C-alpha atoms as a PDB file:
ATOM      1  CA  MET A   1      -3.511  17.521   8.098  1.00  0.00           C
ATOM      2  CA  SER A   2      -2.180  13.956   8.012  1.00  0.00           C
ATOM      3  CA  ARG A   3      -4.831  11.259   8.210  1.00  0.00           C
ATOM      4  CA  GLY A   4      -4.690   7.636   9.296  1.00  0.00           C
ATOM      5  CA  VAL A   5      -5.619   5.324   6.405  1.00  0.00           C
ATOM      6  CA  LEU A   6      -6.186   1.547   6.573  1.00  0.00           C
ATOM      7  CA  VAL A   7      -5.890  -0.180   3.215  1.00  0.00           C
ATOM      8  CA  THR A   8      -6.844  -3.859   3.241  1.00  0.00           C
ATOM      9  CA  GLY A   9      -5.065  -6.140   0.780  1.00  0.00           C
ATOM     10  CA  ALA A  10      -2.286  -3.681   0.254  1.00  0.00           C
ATOM     11  CA  SER A  11       0.584  -6.032  -0.475  1.00  0.00           C
ATOM     12  CA  ARG A  12       0.449  -5.496  -4.239  1.00  0.00           C
ATOM     13  CA  GLY A  13      -1.724  -4.431  -7.193  1.00  0.00           C
ATOM     14  CA  ILE A  14      -4.507  -1.948  -6.563  1.00  0.00           C
ATOM     15  CA  GLY A  15      -3.966  -2.005  -2.802  1.00  0.00           C
ATOM     16  CA  ARG A  16      -0.310  -1.041  -3.162  1.00  0.00           C
ATOM     17  CA  ALA A  17      -1.206   1.767  -5.552  1.00  0.00           C
ATOM     18  CA  VAL A  18      -3.880   3.042  -3.104  1.00  0.00           C
ATOM     19  CA  ALA A  19      -1.456   2.990  -0.193  1.00  0.00           C
ATOM     20  CA  ALA A  20       1.044   4.992  -2.278  1.00  0.00           C
ATOM     21  CA  ALA A  21      -1.589   7.493  -3.377  1.00  0.00           C
ATOM     22  CA  PHE A  22      -2.490   8.395   0.193  1.00  0.00           C
ATOM     23  CA  ALA A  23       1.121   8.410   1.385  1.00  0.00           C
ATOM     24  CA  GLU A  24       2.024  10.822  -1.430  1.00  0.00           C
ATOM     25  CA  VAL A  25      -0.278  13.457   0.059  1.00  0.00           C
ATOM     26  CA  GLY A  26       1.176  13.026   3.560  1.00  0.00           C
ATOM     27  CA  ASP A  27      -1.245  10.489   5.023  1.00  0.00           C
ATOM     28  CA  ARG A  28      -0.123   7.675   7.354  1.00  0.00           C
ATOM     29  CA  VAL A  29      -1.024   4.240   6.023  1.00  0.00           C
ATOM     30  CA  ALA A  30      -1.676   0.879   7.634  1.00  0.00           C
ATOM     31  CA  VAL A  31      -0.607  -1.666   5.035  1.00  0.00           C
ATOM     32  CA  HIS A  32      -2.691  -4.762   5.573  1.00  0.00           C
ATOM     33  CA  TYR A  33      -1.802  -8.225   4.264  1.00  0.00           C
ATOM     34  CA  SER A  34      -2.928 -11.763   4.878  1.00  0.00           C
ATOM     35  CA  SER A  35      -0.180 -14.037   3.575  1.00  0.00           C
ATOM     36  CA  ARG A  36       2.099 -12.040   1.270  1.00  0.00           C
ATOM     37  CA  ARG A  37       4.355 -10.581   3.966  1.00  0.00           C
ATOM     38  CA  SER A  38       7.369  -9.921   1.723  1.00  0.00           C
ATOM     39  CA  ASP A  39       5.177  -8.120  -0.798  1.00  0.00           C
ATOM     40  CA  ALA A  40       3.566  -6.069   1.995  1.00  0.00           C
ATOM     41  CA  GLU A  41       6.985  -5.155   3.370  1.00  0.00           C
ATOM     42  CA  ALA A  42       7.980  -3.984  -0.110  1.00  0.00           C
ATOM     43  CA  THR A  43       4.846  -1.822  -0.236  1.00  0.00           C
ATOM     44  CA  LEU A  44       5.688  -0.343   3.159  1.00  0.00           C
ATOM     45  CA  ARG A  45       9.308   0.419   2.164  1.00  0.00           C
ATOM     46  CA  GLY A  46       8.152   2.166  -0.956  1.00  0.00           C
ATOM     47  CA  LEU A  47       5.813   4.578   0.750  1.00  0.00           C
ATOM     48  CA  PRO A  48       6.949   8.208   1.013  1.00  0.00           C
ATOM     49  CA  GLY A  49       6.769   9.880   4.427  1.00  0.00           C
ATOM     50  CA  ASP A  50       6.673   8.200   7.814  1.00  0.00           C
ATOM     51  CA  GLY A  51       4.235   6.866  10.394  1.00  0.00           C
ATOM     52  CA  HIS A  52       3.206   3.913   8.228  1.00  0.00           C
ATOM     53  CA  VAL A  53       2.613   0.513   9.792  1.00  0.00           C
ATOM     54  CA  LEU A  54       2.199  -3.128   8.714  1.00  0.00           C
ATOM     55  CA  VAL A  55      -0.819  -5.117   9.912  1.00  0.00           C
ATOM     56  CA  CYS A  56      -1.499  -8.808   9.311  1.00  0.00           C
ATOM     57  CA  GLY A  57      -4.633 -10.933   9.439  1.00  0.00           C
ATOM     58  CA  ASP A  58      -7.193 -12.922   7.471  1.00  0.00           C
ATOM     59  CA  ILE A  59     -10.292 -10.694   7.217  1.00  0.00           C
ATOM     60  CA  ALA A  60     -12.356 -13.854   6.608  1.00  0.00           C
ATOM     61  CA  ASN A  61     -11.887 -14.596  10.294  1.00  0.00           C
ATOM     62  CA  ALA A  62     -14.104 -12.335  12.409  1.00  0.00           C
ATOM     63  CA  ALA A  63     -11.528 -12.164  15.249  1.00  0.00           C
ATOM     64  CA  ASP A  64      -8.754 -11.307  12.823  1.00  0.00           C
ATOM     65  CA  ALA A  65     -10.883  -8.559  11.261  1.00  0.00           C
ATOM     66  CA  ALA A  66     -11.344  -6.955  14.646  1.00  0.00           C
ATOM     67  CA  ALA A  67      -7.674  -7.329  15.450  1.00  0.00           C
ATOM     68  CA  ILE A  68      -6.671  -5.660  12.193  1.00  0.00           C
ATOM     69  CA  VAL A  69      -8.749  -2.665  13.042  1.00  0.00           C
ATOM     70  CA  ASP A  70      -7.393  -2.494  16.593  1.00  0.00           C
ATOM     71  CA  ALA A  71      -3.742  -2.802  15.371  1.00  0.00           C
ATOM     72  CA  SER A  72      -4.297  -0.080  12.775  1.00  0.00           C
ATOM     73  CA  VAL A  73      -5.842   2.281  15.349  1.00  0.00           C
ATOM     74  CA  ALA A  74      -2.950   1.664  17.704  1.00  0.00           C
ATOM     75  CA  GLY A  75      -0.288   2.032  15.009  1.00  0.00           C
ATOM     76  CA  LEU A  76      -1.745   5.119  13.341  1.00  0.00           C
ATOM     77  CA  GLY A  77      -3.253   6.797  16.346  1.00  0.00           C
ATOM     78  CA  GLY A  78      -6.685   6.518  14.753  1.00  0.00           C
ATOM     79  CA  ILE A  79      -8.326   5.690  11.422  1.00  0.00           C
ATOM     80  CA  ASP A  80      -9.793   8.522   9.310  1.00  0.00           C
ATOM     81  CA  VAL A  81     -10.088   6.530   6.049  1.00  0.00           C
ATOM     82  CA  LEU A  82     -10.763   2.873   5.376  1.00  0.00           C
ATOM     83  CA  VAL A  83     -10.206   1.439   1.902  1.00  0.00           C
ATOM     84  CA  ASN A  84     -11.815  -2.042   1.609  1.00  0.00           C
ATOM     85  CA  ASN A  85      -9.634  -3.621  -1.131  1.00  0.00           C
ATOM     86  CA  ALA A  86      -8.890  -7.131   0.070  1.00  0.00           C
ATOM     87  CA  ALA A  87     -10.578  -9.794  -2.082  1.00  0.00           C
ATOM     88  CA  VAL A  88     -10.199 -13.175  -3.631  1.00  0.00           C
ATOM     89  CA  ASN A  89     -11.132 -14.023  -7.230  1.00  0.00           C
ATOM     90  CA  LEU A  90     -11.062 -17.790  -7.775  1.00  0.00           C
ATOM     91  CA  PRO A  91     -12.233 -19.333 -11.065  1.00  0.00           C
ATOM     92  CA  HIS A  92     -15.227 -21.691 -10.879  1.00  0.00           C
ATOM     93  CA  PRO A  93     -17.204 -21.765 -14.086  1.00  0.00           C
ATOM     94  CA  LEU A  94     -20.326 -23.795 -13.339  1.00  0.00           C
ATOM     95  CA  PRO A  95     -20.192 -26.204 -16.328  1.00  0.00           C
ATOM     96  CA  SER A  96     -16.684 -27.461 -15.427  1.00  0.00           C
ATOM     97  CA  THR A  97     -16.560 -27.148 -11.651  1.00  0.00           C
ATOM     98  CA  ASP A  98     -17.474 -30.056  -9.397  1.00  0.00           C
ATOM     99  CA  TYR A  99     -19.938 -29.522  -6.577  1.00  0.00           C
ATOM    100  CA  GLU A 100     -17.375 -29.730  -3.787  1.00  0.00           C
ATOM    101  CA  GLN A 101     -15.116 -27.161  -5.348  1.00  0.00           C
ATOM    102  CA  TRP A 102     -18.133 -24.983  -6.108  1.00  0.00           C
ATOM    103  CA  GLN A 103     -19.035 -24.983  -2.414  1.00  0.00           C
ATOM    104  CA  GLN A 104     -15.448 -24.240  -1.283  1.00  0.00           C
ATOM    105  CA  VAL A 105     -14.954 -21.313  -3.653  1.00  0.00           C
ATOM    106  CA  TRP A 106     -18.311 -19.727  -2.805  1.00  0.00           C
ATOM    107  CA  ARG A 107     -17.631 -20.048   0.940  1.00  0.00           C
ATOM    108  CA  ARG A 108     -14.173 -18.558   0.755  1.00  0.00           C
ATOM    109  CA  THR A 109     -15.237 -15.776  -1.559  1.00  0.00           C
ATOM    110  CA  VAL A 110     -18.157 -14.786   0.623  1.00  0.00           C
ATOM    111  CA  ASP A 111     -16.061 -14.961   3.784  1.00  0.00           C
ATOM    112  CA  VAL A 112     -13.325 -12.695   2.373  1.00  0.00           C
ATOM    113  CA  ASN A 113     -15.045 -10.358  -0.070  1.00  0.00           C
ATOM    114  CA  LEU A 114     -18.336  -9.763   1.749  1.00  0.00           C
ATOM    115  CA  LEU A 115     -18.178 -10.778   5.375  1.00  0.00           C
ATOM    116  CA  GLY A 116     -14.593  -9.699   5.812  1.00  0.00           C
ATOM    117  CA  THR A 117     -15.315  -6.293   4.291  1.00  0.00           C
ATOM    118  CA  ALA A 118     -18.464  -5.979   6.430  1.00  0.00           C
ATOM    119  CA  ASN A 119     -16.570  -6.836   9.644  1.00  0.00           C
ATOM    120  CA  VAL A 120     -13.687  -4.475   9.014  1.00  0.00           C
ATOM    121  CA  SER A 121     -16.159  -1.761   8.070  1.00  0.00           C
ATOM    122  CA  TYR A 122     -18.064  -2.342  11.308  1.00  0.00           C
ATOM    123  CA  GLY A 123     -14.931  -1.997  13.426  1.00  0.00           C
ATOM    124  CA  VAL A 124     -13.685   1.135  11.699  1.00  0.00           C
ATOM    125  CA  ALA A 125     -17.109   2.806  11.608  1.00  0.00           C
ATOM    126  CA  ARG A 126     -17.609   2.191  15.351  1.00  0.00           C
ATOM    127  CA  HIS A 127     -14.162   3.649  15.980  1.00  0.00           C
ATOM    128  CA  MET A 128     -15.072   6.733  13.931  1.00  0.00           C
ATOM    129  CA  ILE A 129     -18.425   7.157  15.698  1.00  0.00           C
ATOM    130  CA  GLU A 130     -16.922   6.779  19.174  1.00  0.00           C
ATOM    131  CA  ARG A 131     -14.155   9.324  18.472  1.00  0.00           C
ATOM    132  CA  GLY A 132     -16.357  11.765  16.520  1.00  0.00           C
ATOM    133  CA  ILE A 133     -14.386  11.338  13.296  1.00  0.00           C
ATOM    134  CA  SER A 134     -15.997  12.480  10.066  1.00  0.00           C
ATOM    135  CA  GLY A 135     -14.365   9.609   8.279  1.00  0.00           C
ATOM    136  CA  ARG A 136     -14.386   8.044   4.848  1.00  0.00           C
ATOM    137  CA  ILE A 137     -14.985   4.424   3.762  1.00  0.00           C
ATOM    138  CA  VAL A 138     -14.242   3.515   0.184  1.00  0.00           C
ATOM    139  CA  ASN A 139     -14.958   0.073  -1.192  1.00  0.00           C
ATOM    140  CA  VAL A 140     -13.216  -1.410  -4.188  1.00  0.00           C
ATOM    141  CA  GLY A 141     -16.029  -3.095  -6.059  1.00  0.00           C
ATOM    142  CA  SER A 142     -16.046  -4.283  -9.658  1.00  0.00           C
ATOM    143  CA  ARG A 143     -17.531  -3.798 -13.097  1.00  0.00           C
ATOM    144  CA  GLY A 144     -18.382  -7.525 -12.767  1.00  0.00           C
ATOM    145  CA  ALA A 145     -21.117  -6.643 -10.293  1.00  0.00           C
ATOM    146  CA  PHE A 146     -23.071  -5.239 -13.270  1.00  0.00           C
ATOM    147  CA  ARG A 147     -21.639  -6.948 -16.281  1.00  0.00           C
ATOM    148  CA  GLY A 148     -21.467 -10.435 -14.824  1.00  0.00           C
ATOM    149  CA  GLU A 149     -18.515 -12.786 -14.202  1.00  0.00           C
ATOM    150  CA  PRO A 150     -19.270 -16.131 -15.946  1.00  0.00           C
ATOM    151  CA  ASP A 151     -16.050 -17.785 -14.848  1.00  0.00           C
ATOM    152  CA  HIS A 152     -15.999 -16.127 -11.436  1.00  0.00           C
ATOM    153  CA  PRO A 153     -19.691 -15.889 -10.401  1.00  0.00           C
ATOM    154  CA  ALA A 154     -18.982 -15.695  -6.641  1.00  0.00           C
ATOM    155  CA  TYR A 155     -16.666 -12.745  -7.265  1.00  0.00           C
ATOM    156  CA  GLY A 156     -19.331 -10.839  -9.242  1.00  0.00           C
ATOM    157  CA  ALA A 157     -22.000 -11.651  -6.659  1.00  0.00           C
ATOM    158  CA  THR A 158     -19.958 -10.554  -3.649  1.00  0.00           C
ATOM    159  CA  LYS A 159     -18.763  -7.368  -5.337  1.00  0.00           C
ATOM    160  CA  SER A 160     -22.382  -6.510  -6.048  1.00  0.00           C
ATOM    161  CA  ALA A 161     -23.171  -7.161  -2.413  1.00  0.00           C
ATOM    162  CA  VAL A 162     -20.255  -4.988  -1.261  1.00  0.00           C
ATOM    163  CA  GLN A 163     -21.420  -2.123  -3.426  1.00  0.00           C
ATOM    164  CA  ALA A 164     -24.995  -2.478  -2.060  1.00  0.00           C
ATOM    165  CA  MET A 165     -23.651  -2.641   1.491  1.00  0.00           C
ATOM    166  CA  GLY A 166     -21.749   0.591   0.840  1.00  0.00           C
ATOM    167  CA  GLN A 167     -24.958   2.308  -0.150  1.00  0.00           C
ATOM    168  CA  SER A 168     -26.747   1.061   2.948  1.00  0.00           C
ATOM    169  CA  LEU A 169     -23.875   2.269   5.183  1.00  0.00           C
ATOM    170  CA  ALA A 170     -23.802   5.612   3.353  1.00  0.00           C
ATOM    171  CA  ILE A 171     -27.360   6.232   4.655  1.00  0.00           C
ATOM    172  CA  SER A 172     -26.897   4.855   8.158  1.00  0.00           C
ATOM    173  CA  LEU A 173     -23.544   6.584   8.819  1.00  0.00           C
ATOM    174  CA  ALA A 174     -24.359   9.981   7.273  1.00  0.00           C
ATOM    175  CA  PRO A 175     -25.694  11.366  10.587  1.00  0.00           C
ATOM    176  CA  TYR A 176     -22.204  10.792  12.016  1.00  0.00           C
ATOM    177  CA  GLY A 177     -20.484  12.648   9.189  1.00  0.00           C
ATOM    178  CA  ILE A 178     -19.104   9.421   7.671  1.00  0.00           C
ATOM    179  CA  VAL A 179     -19.024   9.210   3.923  1.00  0.00           C
ATOM    180  CA  VAL A 180     -19.186   5.811   2.199  1.00  0.00           C
ATOM    181  CA  ALA A 181     -18.709   5.249  -1.568  1.00  0.00           C
ATOM    182  CA  SER A 182     -17.362   2.598  -3.942  1.00  0.00           C
ATOM    183  CA  VAL A 183     -15.338   2.338  -7.142  1.00  0.00           C
ATOM    184  CA  ALA A 184     -16.169  -0.274  -9.770  1.00  0.00           C
ATOM    185  CA  PRO A 185     -13.069  -0.954 -11.877  1.00  0.00           C
ATOM    186  CA  GLY A 186     -12.898  -3.075 -14.964  1.00  0.00           C
ATOM    187  CA  PHE A 187      -9.724  -4.995 -15.810  1.00  0.00           C
ATOM    188  CA  VAL A 188      -6.629  -3.563 -14.164  1.00  0.00           C
ATOM    189  CA  ALA A 189      -3.005  -4.364 -15.062  1.00  0.00           C
ATOM    190  CA  THR A 190      -2.099  -6.202 -11.840  1.00  0.00           C
ATOM    191  CA  GLU A 191      -0.115  -9.358 -11.188  1.00  0.00           C
ATOM    192  CA  ARG A 192      -3.229 -11.289 -10.319  1.00  0.00           C
ATOM    193  CA  VAL A 193      -4.910 -10.956 -13.743  1.00  0.00           C
ATOM    194  CA  ALA A 194      -1.815 -10.614 -15.994  1.00  0.00           C
ATOM    195  CA  ASP A 195      -2.540 -13.912 -17.709  1.00  0.00           C
ATOM    196  CA  ARG A 196      -6.123 -12.813 -18.516  1.00  0.00           C
ATOM    197  CA  VAL A 197      -5.335  -9.459 -20.158  1.00  0.00           C
ATOM    198  CA  THR A 198      -5.548 -10.423 -23.837  1.00  0.00           C
ATOM    199  CA  ASP A 199      -6.068  -8.330 -26.929  1.00  0.00           C
ATOM    200  CA  GLU A 200      -9.755  -9.245 -26.683  1.00  0.00           C
ATOM    201  CA  VAL A 201      -9.902  -7.903 -23.109  1.00  0.00           C
ATOM    202  CA  ARG A 202      -8.083  -4.685 -24.150  1.00  0.00           C
ATOM    203  CA  ALA A 203     -10.587  -4.229 -26.938  1.00  0.00           C
ATOM    204  CA  GLN A 204     -13.452  -4.079 -24.446  1.00  0.00           C
ATOM    205  CA  SER A 205     -12.500  -0.427 -23.857  1.00  0.00           C
ATOM    206  CA  PRO A 206     -12.510   2.075 -26.730  1.00  0.00           C
ATOM    207  CA  PHE A 207      -9.103   3.173 -25.389  1.00  0.00           C
ATOM    208  CA  HIS A 208      -7.864  -0.369 -26.319  1.00  0.00           C
ATOM    209  CA  ARG A 209      -6.132  -0.932 -23.001  1.00  0.00           C
ATOM    210  CA  VAL A 210      -6.845  -1.828 -19.373  1.00  0.00           C
ATOM    211  CA  ALA A 211      -6.431   0.431 -16.347  1.00  0.00           C
ATOM    212  CA  GLU A 212      -3.270   0.986 -14.451  1.00  0.00           C
ATOM    213  CA  PRO A 213      -3.475   0.514 -10.689  1.00  0.00           C
ATOM    214  CA  ALA A 214      -2.664   4.182 -10.112  1.00  0.00           C
ATOM    215  CA  GLU A 215      -5.770   5.193 -12.078  1.00  0.00           C
ATOM    216  CA  ILE A 216      -8.013   3.258  -9.696  1.00  0.00           C
ATOM    217  CA  ALA A 217      -6.024   4.633  -6.714  1.00  0.00           C
ATOM    218  CA  ALA A 218      -6.670   8.176  -7.913  1.00  0.00           C
ATOM    219  CA  ALA A 219     -10.459   7.588  -7.924  1.00  0.00           C
ATOM    220  CA  VAL A 220     -10.305   6.051  -4.453  1.00  0.00           C
ATOM    221  CA  ARG A 221      -8.296   8.970  -3.086  1.00  0.00           C
ATOM    222  CA  TYR A 222     -10.758  11.434  -4.604  1.00  0.00           C
ATOM    223  CA  LEU A 223     -13.679   9.735  -2.913  1.00  0.00           C
ATOM    224  CA  ALA A 224     -11.876  10.121   0.396  1.00  0.00           C
ATOM    225  CA  THR A 225     -11.493  13.899   0.042  1.00  0.00           C
ATOM    226  CA  PRO A 226     -13.736  16.488   1.759  1.00  0.00           C
ATOM    227  CA  GLU A 227     -14.820  17.699  -1.688  1.00  0.00           C
ATOM    228  CA  ALA A 228     -16.374  14.275  -2.458  1.00  0.00           C
ATOM    229  CA  ALA A 229     -18.741  14.230   0.547  1.00  0.00           C
ATOM    230  CA  TRP A 230     -21.755  14.663  -1.697  1.00  0.00           C
ATOM    231  CA  SER A 231     -20.744  11.497  -3.574  1.00  0.00           C
ATOM    232  CA  SER A 232     -21.658   9.386  -0.527  1.00  0.00           C
ATOM    233  CA  GLY A 233     -23.559   6.318  -1.676  1.00  0.00           C
ATOM    234  CA  ALA A 234     -22.117   6.550  -5.183  1.00  0.00           C
ATOM    235  CA  VAL A 235     -20.596   3.693  -7.176  1.00  0.00           C
ATOM    236  CA  LEU A 236     -18.056   5.275  -9.448  1.00  0.00           C
ATOM    237  CA  ASP A 237     -17.371   3.352 -12.656  1.00  0.00           C
ATOM    238  CA  VAL A 238     -13.627   3.320 -13.456  1.00  0.00           C
ATOM    239  CA  ASN A 239     -13.548   1.067 -16.458  1.00  0.00           C
ATOM    240  CA  GLY A 240     -12.489   3.124 -19.480  1.00  0.00           C
ATOM    241  CA  ALA A 241     -15.984   2.981 -20.996  1.00  0.00           C
ATOM    242  CA  SER A 242     -15.717  -0.818 -21.265  1.00  0.00           C
ATOM    243  CA  TYR A 243     -19.143  -1.160 -19.686  1.00  0.00           C
ATOM    244  CA  LEU A 244     -21.741   1.565 -19.507  1.00  0.00           C
ATOM    245  CA  ARG A 245     -24.918   1.488 -17.445  1.00  0.00           C
END
């Protein structure tokens, strides 16, 4: 049966691959974007099947986060799966970042990665509860939550918080049949980090490469299946053995 799936930050990269992965199995996808409209439209055009919609908004804004959920519910007829993928990853190594910039990056990163994710999750979970939907929420976290992000400390901190939030929600939403889990990728071959994927980075994995977006999408799609219900609360490492814990 076709499900309604909201993917935040779906204009390119992992989000685009996730949207495609769900569309390929017949699901209807709400492709969310904040500023990259042309990229989001390209994602939408490339999705197989029909019933897909485009939704816009800055999840860092609480009103926008609520509107994104409402627009997705209206466009899809309901949300069965939420994939929290939208995030920012701005460099701010402490030794070379001035205090004003440090404050700005932390504020923006927290607003998008943590509070935005929390607010979208709230809206979708309440929708699921009110309609009696045994839904799925999958967060895209990061290996950096465990390994550390020396040049992007706010990113590592917020991804750790998102994964912890997912575990808390897994417990509180289980009585409603809602499953919550996270994936924790390492480096992925996306446009955003293309300039950072060096031979040294590839060598972090014994496979001597980084992930393709489709590999992360496959893990996300699995966690949204009925068979993965008992993985609620899990954080699935998808990093090619580049970091083991």
